[in-house]
PDB file of N, CA and C in Angstrom:
ATOM      1  N   MET A   1      14.501  10.894 -84.717  1.00  0.00           N
ATOM      2  CA  MET A   1      14.063   9.924 -83.609  1.00  0.00           C
ATOM      3  C   MET A   1      13.707   8.676 -84.195  1.00  0.00           C
ATOM      4  N   GLN A   2      13.953   7.615 -83.498  1.00  0.00           N
ATOM      5  CA  GLN A   2      13.886   5.976 -84.064  1.00  0.00           C
ATOM      6  C   GLN A   2      12.222   5.640 -83.844  1.00  0.00           C
ATOM      7  N   ASP A   3      11.669   4.911 -84.422  1.00  0.00           N
ATOM      8  CA  ASP A   3      10.445   4.338 -84.311  1.00  0.00           C
ATOM      9  C   ASP A   3      10.175   3.663 -82.884  1.00  0.00           C
ATOM     10  N   PRO A   4       9.491   4.112 -82.082  1.00  0.00           N
ATOM     11  CA  PRO A   4       9.527   3.598 -80.889  1.00  0.00           C
ATOM     12  C   PRO A   4       9.282   1.594 -81.013  1.00  0.00           C
ATOM     13  N   ASP A   5       8.228   1.653 -81.758  1.00  0.00           N
ATOM     14  CA  ASP A   5       7.831   0.024 -81.986  1.00  0.00           C
ATOM     15  C   ASP A   5       9.033  -0.682 -82.592  1.00  0.00           C
ATOM     16  N   ARG A   6       9.839  -0.149 -83.592  1.00  0.00           N
ATOM     17  CA  ARG A   6      11.248  -0.814 -84.079  1.00  0.00           C
ATOM     18  C   ARG A   6      12.355  -0.548 -82.794  1.00  0.00           C
ATOM     19  N   PHE A   7      12.399  -0.395 -82.247  1.00  0.00           N
ATOM     20  CA  PHE A   7      13.560   0.060 -81.256  1.00  0.00           C
ATOM     21  C   PHE A   7      13.084  -0.944 -80.076  1.00  0.00           C
ATOM     22  N   TYR A   8      11.790  -1.084 -79.546  1.00  0.00           N
ATOM     23  CA  TYR A   8      11.327  -1.837 -78.313  1.00  0.00           C
ATOM     24  C   TYR A   8      11.558  -3.230 -79.105  1.00  0.00           C
ATOM     25  N   GLY A   9      10.901  -3.329 -80.275  1.00  0.00           N
ATOM     26  CA  GLY A   9      10.905  -4.745 -80.878  1.00  0.00           C
ATOM     27  C   GLY A   9      12.396  -5.460 -80.990  1.00  0.00           C
ATOM     28  N   ASP A  10      13.170  -4.407 -81.133  1.00  0.00           N
ATOM     29  CA  ASP A  10      14.465  -4.927 -81.496  1.00  0.00           C
ATOM     30  C   ASP A  10      15.059  -5.025 -80.332  1.00  0.00           C
ATOM     31  N   LEU A  11      15.201  -4.155 -79.113  1.00  0.00           N
ATOM     32  CA  LEU A  11      15.585  -4.487 -77.937  1.00  0.00           C
ATOM     33  C   LEU A  11      14.945  -5.653 -77.303  1.00  0.00           C
ATOM     34  N   ASN A  12      13.680  -6.099 -77.514  1.00  0.00           N
ATOM     35  CA  ASN A  12      13.104  -6.992 -76.794  1.00  0.00           C
ATOM     36  C   ASN A  12      13.641  -8.668 -77.664  1.00  0.00           C
ATOM     37  N   ARG A  13      13.841  -8.414 -78.945  1.00  0.00           N
ATOM     38  CA  ARG A  13      14.511  -9.412 -79.313  1.00  0.00           C
ATOM     39  C   ARG A  13      15.578  -9.803 -79.042  1.00  0.00           C
ATOM     40  N   ARG A  14      16.495  -8.987 -78.637  1.00  0.00           N
ATOM     41  CA  ARG A  14      17.889  -9.230 -78.400  1.00  0.00           C
ATOM     42  C   ARG A  14      18.138  -9.665 -77.123  1.00  0.00           C
ATOM     43  N   GLY A  15      16.992  -9.055 -76.254  1.00  0.00           N
ATOM     44  CA  GLY A  15      16.460  -9.402 -74.720  1.00  0.00           C
ATOM     45  C   GLY A  15      16.242 -11.168 -74.772  1.00  0.00           C
ATOM     46  N   ARG A  16      15.229 -11.590 -75.931  1.00  0.00           N
ATOM     47  CA  ARG A  16      14.782 -12.879 -76.022  1.00  0.00           C
ATOM     48  C   ARG A  16      16.127 -13.682 -76.295  1.00  0.00           C
ATOM     49  N   THR A  17      16.762 -13.271 -77.421  1.00  0.00           N
ATOM     50  CA  THR A  17      18.210 -13.905 -77.873  1.00  0.00           C
ATOM     51  C   THR A  17      19.094 -14.289 -76.262  1.00  0.00           C
ATOM     52  N   LEU A  18      19.133 -13.508 -75.419  1.00  0.00           N
ATOM     53  CA  LEU A  18      19.789 -13.367 -74.252  1.00  0.00           C
ATOM     54  C   LEU A  18      19.182 -14.377 -73.421  1.00  0.00           C
ATOM     55  N   MET A  19      18.088 -14.579 -73.354  1.00  0.00           N
ATOM     56  CA  MET A  19      17.467 -15.633 -72.418  1.00  0.00           C
ATOM     57  C   MET A  19      17.204 -16.858 -72.790  1.00  0.00           C
ATOM     58  N   ASP A  20      17.257 -17.028 -74.010  1.00  0.00           N
ATOM     59  CA  ASP A  20      17.418 -18.115 -74.853  1.00  0.00           C
ATOM     60  C   ASP A  20      18.678 -18.922 -74.553  1.00  0.00           C
ATOM     61  N   GLY A  21      19.705 -18.545 -74.802  1.00  0.00           N
ATOM     62  CA  GLY A  21      21.043 -18.409 -74.736  1.00  0.00           C
ATOM     63  C   GLY A  21      21.303 -18.925 -73.103  1.00  0.00           C
ATOM     64  N   LEU A  22      21.185 -18.152 -72.137  1.00  0.00           N
ATOM     65  CA  LEU A  22      20.858 -18.346 -70.743  1.00  0.00           C
ATOM     66  C   LEU A  22      20.219 -20.022 -70.690  1.00  0.00           C
ATOM     67  N   GLU A  23      19.282 -19.966 -71.264  1.00  0.00           N
ATOM     68  CA  GLU A  23      18.454 -21.567 -70.747  1.00  0.00           C
ATOM     69  C   GLU A  23      19.212 -22.364 -71.114  1.00  0.00           C
ATOM     70  N   ALA A  24      19.662 -21.988 -72.518  1.00  0.00           N
ATOM     71  CA  ALA A  24      20.384 -23.545 -73.736  1.00  0.00           C
ATOM     72  C   ALA A  24      21.836 -23.684 -72.791  1.00  0.00           C
ATOM     73  N   ALA A  25      22.385 -22.662 -71.812  1.00  0.00           N
ATOM     74  CA  ALA A  25      23.601 -22.766 -71.258  1.00  0.00           C
ATOM     75  C   ALA A  25      23.029 -23.793 -70.323  1.00  0.00           C
ATOM     76  N   ALA A  26      22.546 -23.571 -69.365  1.00  0.00           N
ATOM     77  CA  ALA A  26      21.907 -24.252 -67.914  1.00  0.00           C
ATOM     78  C   ALA A  26      21.863 -25.415 -68.344  1.00  0.00           C
ATOM     79  N   ALA A  27      21.189 -25.871 -69.593  1.00  0.00           N
ATOM     80  CA  ALA A  27      20.596 -27.180 -69.912  1.00  0.00           C
ATOM     81  C   ALA A  27      21.685 -27.932 -70.505  1.00  0.00           C
ATOM     82  N   GLY A  28      22.628 -27.303 -70.882  1.00  0.00           N
ATOM     83  CA  GLY A  28      24.017 -27.775 -71.403  1.00  0.00           C
ATOM     84  C   GLY A  28      24.920 -28.291 -70.334  1.00  0.00           C
ATOM     85  N   ALA A  29      24.779 -27.475 -69.182  1.00  0.00           N
ATOM     86  CA  ALA A  29      25.765 -27.756 -67.739  1.00  0.00           C
ATOM     87  C   ALA A  29      24.894 -28.872 -66.732  1.00  0.00           C
ATOM     88  N   GLY A  30      23.531 -28.787 -67.307  1.00  0.00           N
ATOM     89  CA  GLY A  30      22.624 -29.623 -66.262  1.00  0.00           C
ATOM     90  C   GLY A  30      22.372 -28.910 -65.122  1.00  0.00           C
ATOM     91  N   VAL A  31      22.174 -27.754 -65.049  1.00  0.00           N
ATOM     92  CA  VAL A  31      21.615 -26.864 -63.886  1.00  0.00           C
ATOM     93  C   VAL A  31      20.252 -26.441 -64.445  1.00  0.00           C
ATOM     94  N   SER A  32      19.273 -26.541 -63.134  1.00  0.00           N
ATOM     95  CA  SER A  32      18.236 -25.744 -63.173  1.00  0.00           C
ATOM     96  C   SER A  32      18.113 -24.632 -62.711  1.00  0.00           C
ATOM     97  N   LEU A  33      17.961 -23.849 -63.955  1.00  0.00           N
ATOM     98  CA  LEU A  33      17.965 -22.469 -64.148  1.00  0.00           C
ATOM     99  C   LEU A  33      16.525 -21.495 -64.887  1.00  0.00           C
ATOM    100  N   ARG A  34      15.877 -21.258 -64.064  1.00  0.00           N
ATOM    101  CA  ARG A  34      14.612 -20.259 -64.360  1.00  0.00           C
ATOM    102  C   ARG A  34      14.848 -19.059 -64.972  1.00  0.00           C
ATOM    103  N   VAL A  35      14.471 -18.583 -66.231  1.00  0.00           N
ATOM    104  CA  VAL A  35      14.687 -17.452 -66.748  1.00  0.00           C
ATOM    105  C   VAL A  35      13.501 -17.087 -67.345  1.00  0.00           C
ATOM    106  N   ALA A  36      12.831 -15.866 -66.500  1.00  0.00           N
ATOM    107  CA  ALA A  36      11.633 -15.631 -66.626  1.00  0.00           C
ATOM    108  C   ALA A  36      11.551 -13.916 -67.045  1.00  0.00           C
ATOM    109  N   GLY A  37      10.612 -13.626 -67.998  1.00  0.00           N
ATOM    110  CA  GLY A  37      10.314 -11.843 -67.888  1.00  0.00           C
ATOM    111  C   GLY A  37       9.893 -11.651 -69.335  1.00  0.00           C
ATOM    112  N   PHE A  38      10.460 -10.433 -69.605  1.00  0.00           N
ATOM    113  CA  PHE A  38      10.063  -9.948 -71.026  1.00  0.00           C
ATOM    114  C   PHE A  38      11.383  -9.495 -71.748  1.00  0.00           C
ATOM    115  N   GLY A  39      11.858 -10.225 -72.496  1.00  0.00           N
ATOM    116  CA  GLY A  39      13.003  -9.324 -73.208  1.00  0.00           C
ATOM    117  C   GLY A  39      13.927  -8.919 -72.496  1.00  0.00           C
ATOM    118  N   SER A  40      13.815  -7.140 -72.561  1.00  0.00           N
ATOM    119  CA  SER A  40      14.782  -6.078 -71.979  1.00  0.00           C
ATOM    120  C   SER A  40      14.602  -6.439 -70.437  1.00  0.00           C
ATOM    121  N   VAL A  41      13.827  -6.978 -69.799  1.00  0.00           N
ATOM    122  CA  VAL A  41      13.903  -6.979 -67.995  1.00  0.00           C
ATOM    123  C   VAL A  41      13.404  -8.238 -67.796  1.00  0.00           C
ATOM    124  N   PHE A  42      13.953  -9.213 -67.484  1.00  0.00           N
ATOM    125  CA  PHE A  42      14.011 -10.505 -66.939  1.00  0.00           C
ATOM    126  C   PHE A  42      14.701 -11.005 -65.515  1.00  0.00           C
ATOM    127  N   SER A  43      14.373 -12.277 -65.031  1.00  0.00           N
ATOM    128  CA  SER A  43      15.122 -12.406 -63.671  1.00  0.00           C
ATOM    129  C   SER A  43      15.565 -13.955 -64.321  1.00  0.00           C
ATOM    130  N   THR A  44      16.632 -14.262 -63.076  1.00  0.00           N
ATOM    131  CA  THR A  44      17.235 -15.957 -63.629  1.00  0.00           C
ATOM    132  C   THR A  44      17.049 -16.130 -61.908  1.00  0.00           C
ATOM    133  N   SER A  45      16.632 -17.522 -61.726  1.00  0.00           N
ATOM    134  CA  SER A  45      16.969 -18.351 -60.238  1.00  0.00           C
ATOM    135  C   SER A  45      17.075 -19.447 -60.639  1.00  0.00           C
ATOM    136  N   PHE A  46      17.708 -20.246 -59.640  1.00  0.00           N
ATOM    137  CA  PHE A  46      18.122 -21.473 -59.456  1.00  0.00           C
ATOM    138  C   PHE A  46      17.422 -22.133 -58.892  1.00  0.00           C
ATOM    139  N   THR A  47      16.292 -22.620 -59.413  1.00  0.00           N
ATOM    140  CA  THR A  47      15.103 -23.353 -58.865  1.00  0.00           C
ATOM    141  C   THR A  47      14.671 -24.759 -60.086  1.00  0.00           C
ATOM    142  N   ASP A  48      14.412 -25.628 -59.825  1.00  0.00           N
ATOM    143  CA  ASP A  48      13.423 -26.648 -60.563  1.00  0.00           C
ATOM    144  C   ASP A  48      11.791 -26.403 -60.945  1.00  0.00           C
ATOM    145  N   ARG A  49      11.609 -25.150 -60.371  1.00  0.00           N
ATOM    146  CA  ARG A  49      10.172 -24.690 -60.285  1.00  0.00           C
ATOM    147  C   ARG A  49       9.969 -24.231 -61.672  1.00  0.00           C
ATOM    148  N   THR A  50       8.869 -24.436 -62.099  1.00  0.00           N
ATOM    149  CA  THR A  50       8.361 -23.657 -63.351  1.00  0.00           C
ATOM    150  C   THR A  50       7.913 -22.279 -62.882  1.00  0.00           C
ATOM    151  N   LYS A  51       7.217 -22.161 -61.734  1.00  0.00           N
ATOM    152  CA  LYS A  51       6.754 -20.803 -61.670  1.00  0.00           C
ATOM    153  C   LYS A  51       7.102 -20.465 -59.805  1.00  0.00           C
ATOM    154  N   ILE A  52       7.320 -19.351 -59.902  1.00  0.00           N
ATOM    155  CA  ILE A  52       7.548 -18.373 -58.829  1.00  0.00           C
ATOM    156  C   ILE A  52       6.550 -17.587 -58.682  1.00  0.00           C
ATOM    157  N   HIS A  53       5.554 -17.807 -57.505  1.00  0.00           N
ATOM    158  CA  HIS A  53       4.530 -16.604 -57.204  1.00  0.00           C
ATOM    159  C   HIS A  53       4.750 -15.470 -56.356  1.00  0.00           C
ATOM    160  N   SER A  54       5.641 -16.112 -55.384  1.00  0.00           N
ATOM    161  CA  SER A  54       5.633 -14.833 -54.171  1.00  0.00           C
ATOM    162  C   SER A  54       7.203 -14.886 -53.830  1.00  0.00           C
ATOM    163  N   TYR A  55       7.503 -13.940 -52.972  1.00  0.00           N
ATOM    164  CA  TYR A  55       8.513 -14.188 -52.106  1.00  0.00           C
ATOM    165  C   TYR A  55       8.903 -15.127 -51.493  1.00  0.00           C
ATOM    166  N   ARG A  56       7.988 -15.924 -51.224  1.00  0.00           N
ATOM    167  CA  ARG A  56       8.027 -16.841 -50.021  1.00  0.00           C
ATOM    168  C   ARG A  56       8.408 -17.838 -51.003  1.00  0.00           C
ATOM    169  N   ASP A  57       7.895 -18.284 -51.972  1.00  0.00           N
ATOM    170  CA  ASP A  57       7.943 -19.332 -53.020  1.00  0.00           C
ATOM    171  C   ASP A  57       9.550 -19.179 -53.159  1.00  0.00           C
ATOM    172  N   HIS A  58      10.225 -17.766 -53.337  1.00  0.00           N
ATOM    173  CA  HIS A  58      11.582 -17.731 -53.869  1.00  0.00           C
ATOM    174  C   HIS A  58      12.401 -18.486 -52.927  1.00  0.00           C
ATOM    175  N   ALA A  59      11.984 -17.678 -51.433  1.00  0.00           N
ATOM    176  CA  ALA A  59      12.909 -17.896 -50.373  1.00  0.00           C
ATOM    177  C   ALA A  59      12.989 -19.711 -50.158  1.00  0.00           C
ATOM    178  N   ARG A  60      12.167 -20.344 -50.583  1.00  0.00           N
ATOM    179  CA  ARG A  60      11.953 -21.682 -50.143  1.00  0.00           C
ATOM    180  C   ARG A  60      12.304 -22.565 -51.258  1.00  0.00           C
ATOM    181  N   HIS A  61      12.194 -22.244 -52.432  1.00  0.00           N
ATOM    182  CA  HIS A  61      12.925 -23.182 -53.642  1.00  0.00           C
ATOM    183  C   HIS A  61      13.515 -22.154 -54.505  1.00  0.00           C
ATOM    184  N   CYS A  62      14.420 -21.149 -54.459  1.00  0.00           N
ATOM    185  CA  CYS A  62      15.642 -20.835 -54.992  1.00  0.00           C
ATOM    186  C   CYS A  62      16.474 -20.886 -54.330  1.00  0.00           C
ATOM    187  N   ASP A  63      17.778 -21.212 -55.066  1.00  0.00           N
ATOM    188  CA  ASP A  63      18.837 -21.711 -54.145  1.00  0.00           C
ATOM    189  C   ASP A  63      20.112 -19.875 -54.385  1.00  0.00           C
ATOM    190  N   GLU A  64      19.758 -19.546 -53.343  1.00  0.00           N
ATOM    191  CA  GLU A  64      20.103 -17.758 -53.389  1.00  0.00           C
ATOM    192  C   GLU A  64      21.894 -17.857 -53.202  1.00  0.00           C
ATOM    193  N   GLU A  65      22.410 -19.047 -52.552  1.00  0.00           N
ATOM    194  CA  GLU A  65      23.735 -18.909 -52.822  1.00  0.00           C
ATOM    195  C   GLU A  65      24.176 -19.452 -53.861  1.00  0.00           C
ATOM    196  N   ARG A  66      23.852 -20.304 -54.883  1.00  0.00           N
ATOM    197  CA  ARG A  66      24.402 -20.544 -55.801  1.00  0.00           C
ATOM    198  C   ARG A  66      23.997 -19.688 -56.919  1.00  0.00           C
ATOM    199  N   TYR A  67      23.047 -18.699 -57.028  1.00  0.00           N
ATOM    200  CA  TYR A  67      22.956 -17.682 -57.865  1.00  0.00           C
ATOM    201  C   TYR A  67      23.879 -16.329 -57.752  1.00  0.00           C
ATOM    202  N   GLN A  68      24.571 -16.399 -55.959  1.00  0.00           N
ATOM    203  CA  GLN A  68      26.080 -15.640 -55.792  1.00  0.00           C
ATOM    204  C   GLN A  68      27.173 -15.603 -56.486  1.00  0.00           C
ATOM    205  N   ARG A  69      26.870 -17.186 -56.419  1.00  0.00           N
ATOM    206  CA  ARG A  69      28.448 -17.834 -56.770  1.00  0.00           C
ATOM    207  C   ARG A  69      28.549 -17.595 -58.510  1.00  0.00           C
ATOM    208  N   PHE A  70      27.455 -17.544 -58.977  1.00  0.00           N
ATOM    209  CA  PHE A  70      27.142 -17.704 -60.570  1.00  0.00           C
ATOM    210  C   PHE A  70      27.472 -16.054 -61.052  1.00  0.00           C
ATOM    211  N   ARG A  71      26.864 -15.225 -60.333  1.00  0.00           N
ATOM    212  CA  ARG A  71      27.112 -13.623 -60.405  1.00  0.00           C
ATOM    213  C   ARG A  71      28.559 -13.299 -60.149  1.00  0.00           C
ATOM    214  N   ILE A  72      29.192 -14.096 -59.373  1.00  0.00           N
ATOM    215  CA  ILE A  72      30.938 -13.760 -58.848  1.00  0.00           C
ATOM    216  C   ILE A  72      31.339 -14.252 -60.197  1.00  0.00           C
ATOM    217  N   ALA A  73      30.899 -15.406 -60.716  1.00  0.00           N
ATOM    218  CA  ALA A  73      31.933 -16.190 -61.550  1.00  0.00           C
ATOM    219  C   ALA A  73      31.591 -15.405 -62.866  1.00  0.00           C
ATOM    220  N   LEU A  74      30.479 -14.920 -62.904  1.00  0.00           N
ATOM    221  CA  LEU A  74      30.261 -13.938 -64.156  1.00  0.00           C
ATOM    222  C   LEU A  74      31.112 -12.707 -63.993  1.00  0.00           C
ATOM    223  N   LEU A  75      31.165 -12.094 -62.980  1.00  0.00           N
ATOM    224  CA  LEU A  75      31.919 -11.411 -62.877  1.00  0.00           C
ATOM    225  C   LEU A  75      33.421 -11.580 -63.134  1.00  0.00           C
ATOM    226  N   ASP A  76      33.707 -12.837 -62.737  1.00  0.00           N
ATOM    227  CA  ASP A  76      35.126 -13.080 -62.869  1.00  0.00           C
ATOM    228  C   ASP A  76      35.446 -13.278 -64.657  1.00  0.00           C
ATOM    229  N   ARG A  77      34.428 -13.233 -65.060  1.00  0.00           N
ATOM    230  CA  ARG A  77      34.487 -13.407 -66.987  1.00  0.00           C
ATOM    231  C   ARG A  77      34.242 -12.013 -67.571  1.00  0.00           C
ATOM    232  N   GLY A  78      34.142 -10.993 -66.656  1.00  0.00           N
ATOM    233  CA  GLY A  78      33.723  -9.605 -67.691  1.00  0.00           C
ATOM    234  C   GLY A  78      32.090  -9.354 -67.640  1.00  0.00           C
ATOM    235  N   VAL A  79      31.690  -9.984 -66.879  1.00  0.00           N
ATOM    236  CA  VAL A  79      30.069  -9.762 -66.887  1.00  0.00           C
ATOM    237  C   VAL A  79      29.204  -9.557 -65.506  1.00  0.00           C
ATOM    238  N   ARG A  80      29.154  -8.326 -65.776  1.00  0.00           N
ATOM    239  CA  ARG A  80      28.346  -7.796 -64.474  1.00  0.00           C
ATOM    240  C   ARG A  80      26.743  -7.747 -64.307  1.00  0.00           C
ATOM    241  N   ILE A  81      26.405  -8.718 -63.357  1.00  0.00           N
ATOM    242  CA  ILE A  81      24.871  -8.676 -63.079  1.00  0.00           C
ATOM    243  C   ILE A  81      24.444  -8.557 -61.797  1.00  0.00           C
ATOM    244  N   ALA A  82      23.091  -7.786 -61.841  1.00  0.00           N
ATOM    245  CA  ALA A  82      22.493  -7.241 -60.396  1.00  0.00           C
ATOM    246  C   ALA A  82      22.653  -8.411 -59.105  1.00  0.00           C
ATOM    247  N   PRO A  83      22.724  -8.039 -58.244  1.00  0.00           N
ATOM    248  CA  PRO A  83      22.647  -9.041 -56.897  1.00  0.00           C
ATOM    249  C   PRO A  83      21.457  -9.721 -57.137  1.00  0.00           C
ATOM    250  N   ASN A  84      20.413  -9.232 -57.330  1.00  0.00           N
ATOM    251  CA  ASN A  84      18.821  -9.588 -57.022  1.00  0.00           C
ATOM    252  C   ASN A  84      18.333 -10.414 -58.033  1.00  0.00           C
ATOM    253  N   GLY A  85      19.271 -10.905 -58.962  1.00  0.00           N
ATOM    254  CA  GLY A  85      18.460 -11.816 -60.271  1.00  0.00           C
ATOM    255  C   GLY A  85      17.900 -11.292 -61.252  1.00  0.00           C
ATOM    256  N   ARG A  86      17.586 -10.112 -61.063  1.00  0.00           N
ATOM    257  CA  ARG A  86      17.123  -9.395 -62.308  1.00  0.00           C
ATOM    258  C   ARG A  86      18.541  -8.676 -63.416  1.00  0.00           C
ATOM    259  N   TRP A  87      17.955  -8.686 -64.468  1.00  0.00           N
ATOM    260  CA  TRP A  87      18.898  -8.682 -65.761  1.00  0.00           C
ATOM    261  C   TRP A  87      17.953  -7.217 -66.502  1.00  0.00           C
ATOM    262  N   HIS A  88      18.756  -6.394 -66.775  1.00  0.00           N
ATOM    263  CA  HIS A  88      18.178  -5.159 -67.741  1.00  0.00           C
ATOM    264  C   HIS A  88      19.026  -5.361 -69.164  1.00  0.00           C
ATOM    265  N   LEU A  89      18.374  -5.084 -69.984  1.00  0.00           N
ATOM    266  CA  LEU A  89      19.038  -5.380 -71.100  1.00  0.00           C
ATOM    267  C   LEU A  89      18.926  -3.343 -71.796  1.00  0.00           C
ATOM    268  N   ALA A  90      19.838  -3.013 -71.914  1.00  0.00           N
ATOM    269  CA  ALA A  90      20.255  -1.672 -72.692  1.00  0.00           C
ATOM    270  C   ALA A  90      20.426  -1.286 -74.478  1.00  0.00           C
ATOM    271  N   SER A  91      19.747  -0.537 -74.890  1.00  0.00           N
ATOM    272  CA  SER A  91      19.627  -0.374 -76.133  1.00  0.00           C
ATOM    273  C   SER A  91      21.250  -0.265 -76.680  1.00  0.00           C
ATOM    274  N   THR A  92      22.266  -0.134 -75.955  1.00  0.00           N
ATOM    275  CA  THR A  92      23.545  -0.187 -76.022  1.00  0.00           C
ATOM    276  C   THR A  92      24.229  -1.793 -76.480  1.00  0.00           C
ATOM    277  N   HIS A  93      23.493  -2.740 -75.485  1.00  0.00           N
ATOM    278  CA  HIS A  93      23.930  -4.112 -75.554  1.00  0.00           C
ATOM    279  C   HIS A  93      23.961  -4.630 -77.117  1.00  0.00           C
ATOM    280  N   THR A  94      24.826  -5.019 -77.782  1.00  0.00           N
ATOM    281  CA  THR A  94      24.903  -5.406 -79.222  1.00  0.00           C
ATOM    282  C   THR A  94      24.818  -6.973 -79.075  1.00  0.00           C
ATOM    283  N   ASP A  95      24.752  -7.517 -80.304  1.00  0.00           N
ATOM    284  CA  ASP A  95      24.368  -8.906 -80.413  1.00  0.00           C
ATOM    285  C   ASP A  95      25.859  -9.737 -80.112  1.00  0.00           C
ATOM    286  N   ALA A  96      26.990  -8.640 -80.134  1.00  0.00           N
ATOM    287  CA  ALA A  96      28.362  -9.516 -79.934  1.00  0.00           C
ATOM    288  C   ALA A  96      28.232  -9.604 -78.189  1.00  0.00           C
ATOM    289  N   ASP A  97      27.918  -8.352 -77.722  1.00  0.00           N
ATOM    290  CA  ASP A  97      27.707  -8.399 -76.135  1.00  0.00           C
ATOM    291  C   ASP A  97      26.709  -9.735 -75.642  1.00  0.00           C
ATOM    292  N   ILE A  98      25.850 -10.293 -76.252  1.00  0.00           N
ATOM    293  CA  ILE A  98      25.026 -10.949 -75.972  1.00  0.00           C
ATOM    294  C   ILE A  98      25.659 -12.270 -76.101  1.00  0.00           C
ATOM    295  N   GLU A  99      26.344 -12.526 -77.248  1.00  0.00           N
ATOM    296  CA  GLU A  99      26.959 -13.786 -77.739  1.00  0.00           C
ATOM    297  C   GLU A  99      27.851 -13.894 -76.280  1.00  0.00           C
ATOM    298  N   LEU A 100      28.816 -12.977 -76.235  1.00  0.00           N
ATOM    299  CA  LEU A 100      30.037 -12.789 -75.271  1.00  0.00           C
ATOM    300  C   LEU A 100      29.189 -13.366 -73.738  1.00  0.00           C
ATOM    301  N   THR A 101      28.137 -12.552 -73.382  1.00  0.00           N
ATOM    302  CA  THR A 101      27.453 -12.898 -72.129  1.00  0.00           C
ATOM    303  C   THR A 101      27.115 -14.422 -71.948  1.00  0.00           C
ATOM    304  N   VAL A 102      26.513 -14.958 -73.152  1.00  0.00           N
ATOM    305  CA  VAL A 102      26.377 -16.848 -73.079  1.00  0.00           C
ATOM    306  C   VAL A 102      27.254 -17.350 -73.017  1.00  0.00           C
ATOM    307  N   ALA A 103      28.301 -17.090 -73.600  1.00  0.00           N
ATOM    308  CA  ALA A 103      29.802 -17.696 -74.000  1.00  0.00           C
ATOM    309  C   ALA A 103      30.213 -17.689 -72.010  1.00  0.00           C
ATOM    310  N   ALA A 104      30.227 -16.330 -71.283  1.00  0.00           N
ATOM    311  CA  ALA A 104      30.472 -16.691 -70.291  1.00  0.00           C
ATOM    312  C   ALA A 104      29.503 -17.092 -69.234  1.00  0.00           C
ATOM    313  N   ALA A 105      28.553 -16.981 -69.680  1.00  0.00           N
ATOM    314  CA  ALA A 105      27.448 -18.420 -68.525  1.00  0.00           C
ATOM    315  C   ALA A 105      27.656 -19.443 -68.480  1.00  0.00           C
ATOM    316  N   GLU A 106      28.225 -19.587 -70.007  1.00  0.00           N
ATOM    317  CA  GLU A 106      28.353 -21.332 -70.263  1.00  0.00           C
ATOM    318  C   GLU A 106      29.416 -22.003 -69.534  1.00  0.00           C
ATOM    319  N   ASP A 107      30.266 -20.965 -69.565  1.00  0.00           N
ATOM    320  CA  ASP A 107      31.479 -21.571 -68.651  1.00  0.00           C
ATOM    321  C   ASP A 107      31.093 -21.480 -67.166  1.00  0.00           C
ATOM    322  N   ALA A 108      30.637 -19.987 -66.654  1.00  0.00           N
ATOM    323  CA  ALA A 108      30.301 -20.195 -65.375  1.00  0.00           C
ATOM    324  C   ALA A 108      29.258 -21.177 -64.468  1.00  0.00           C
ATOM    325  N   LEU A 109      28.461 -21.429 -65.575  1.00  0.00           N
ATOM    326  CA  LEU A 109      27.629 -22.271 -65.090  1.00  0.00           C
ATOM    327  C   LEU A 109      28.208 -23.770 -64.738  1.00  0.00           C
ATOM    328  N   ARG A 110      29.300 -24.260 -65.757  1.00  0.00           N
ATOM    329  CA  ARG A 110      30.018 -25.504 -65.418  1.00  0.00           C
ATOM    330  C   ARG A 110      30.982 -25.430 -64.218  1.00  0.00           C
ATOM    331  N   THR A 111      30.736 -24.326 -63.519  1.00  0.00           N
ATOM    332  CA  THR A 111      31.894 -24.341 -62.730  1.00  0.00           C
ATOM    333  C   THR A 111      31.231 -24.423 -60.949  1.00  0.00           C
ATOM    334  N   LEU A 112      29.670 -24.596 -61.160  1.00  0.00           N
ATOM    335  CA  LEU A 112      28.929 -24.367 -60.232  1.00  0.00           C
ATOM    336  C   LEU A 112      28.742 -25.919 -59.350  1.00  0.00           C
TER     337      LEU A 112
END
């Protein structure tokens, strides 16, 4: 059995790599994408807000239609993400999977 501290440390490191990659991809595309959460579970929202405090904030300040276009653009590139903006990283996701996901996101964000 793997050491839990090592397991979750590695999982969260890979999740942080994905989060950082998505932020960099959005910045490169000139898109306001907020990425927030903890390594293996995080969310993405198209907004220029630095914080979203409630569902009302989300409804008022996040572009849900743009998120759905992003989700479909990623699906067209072989990456499936949840319709609600939440991302879940599994222990089976490799560094190569993360690289492919970030590359797909870079391409998809340029189409928005």
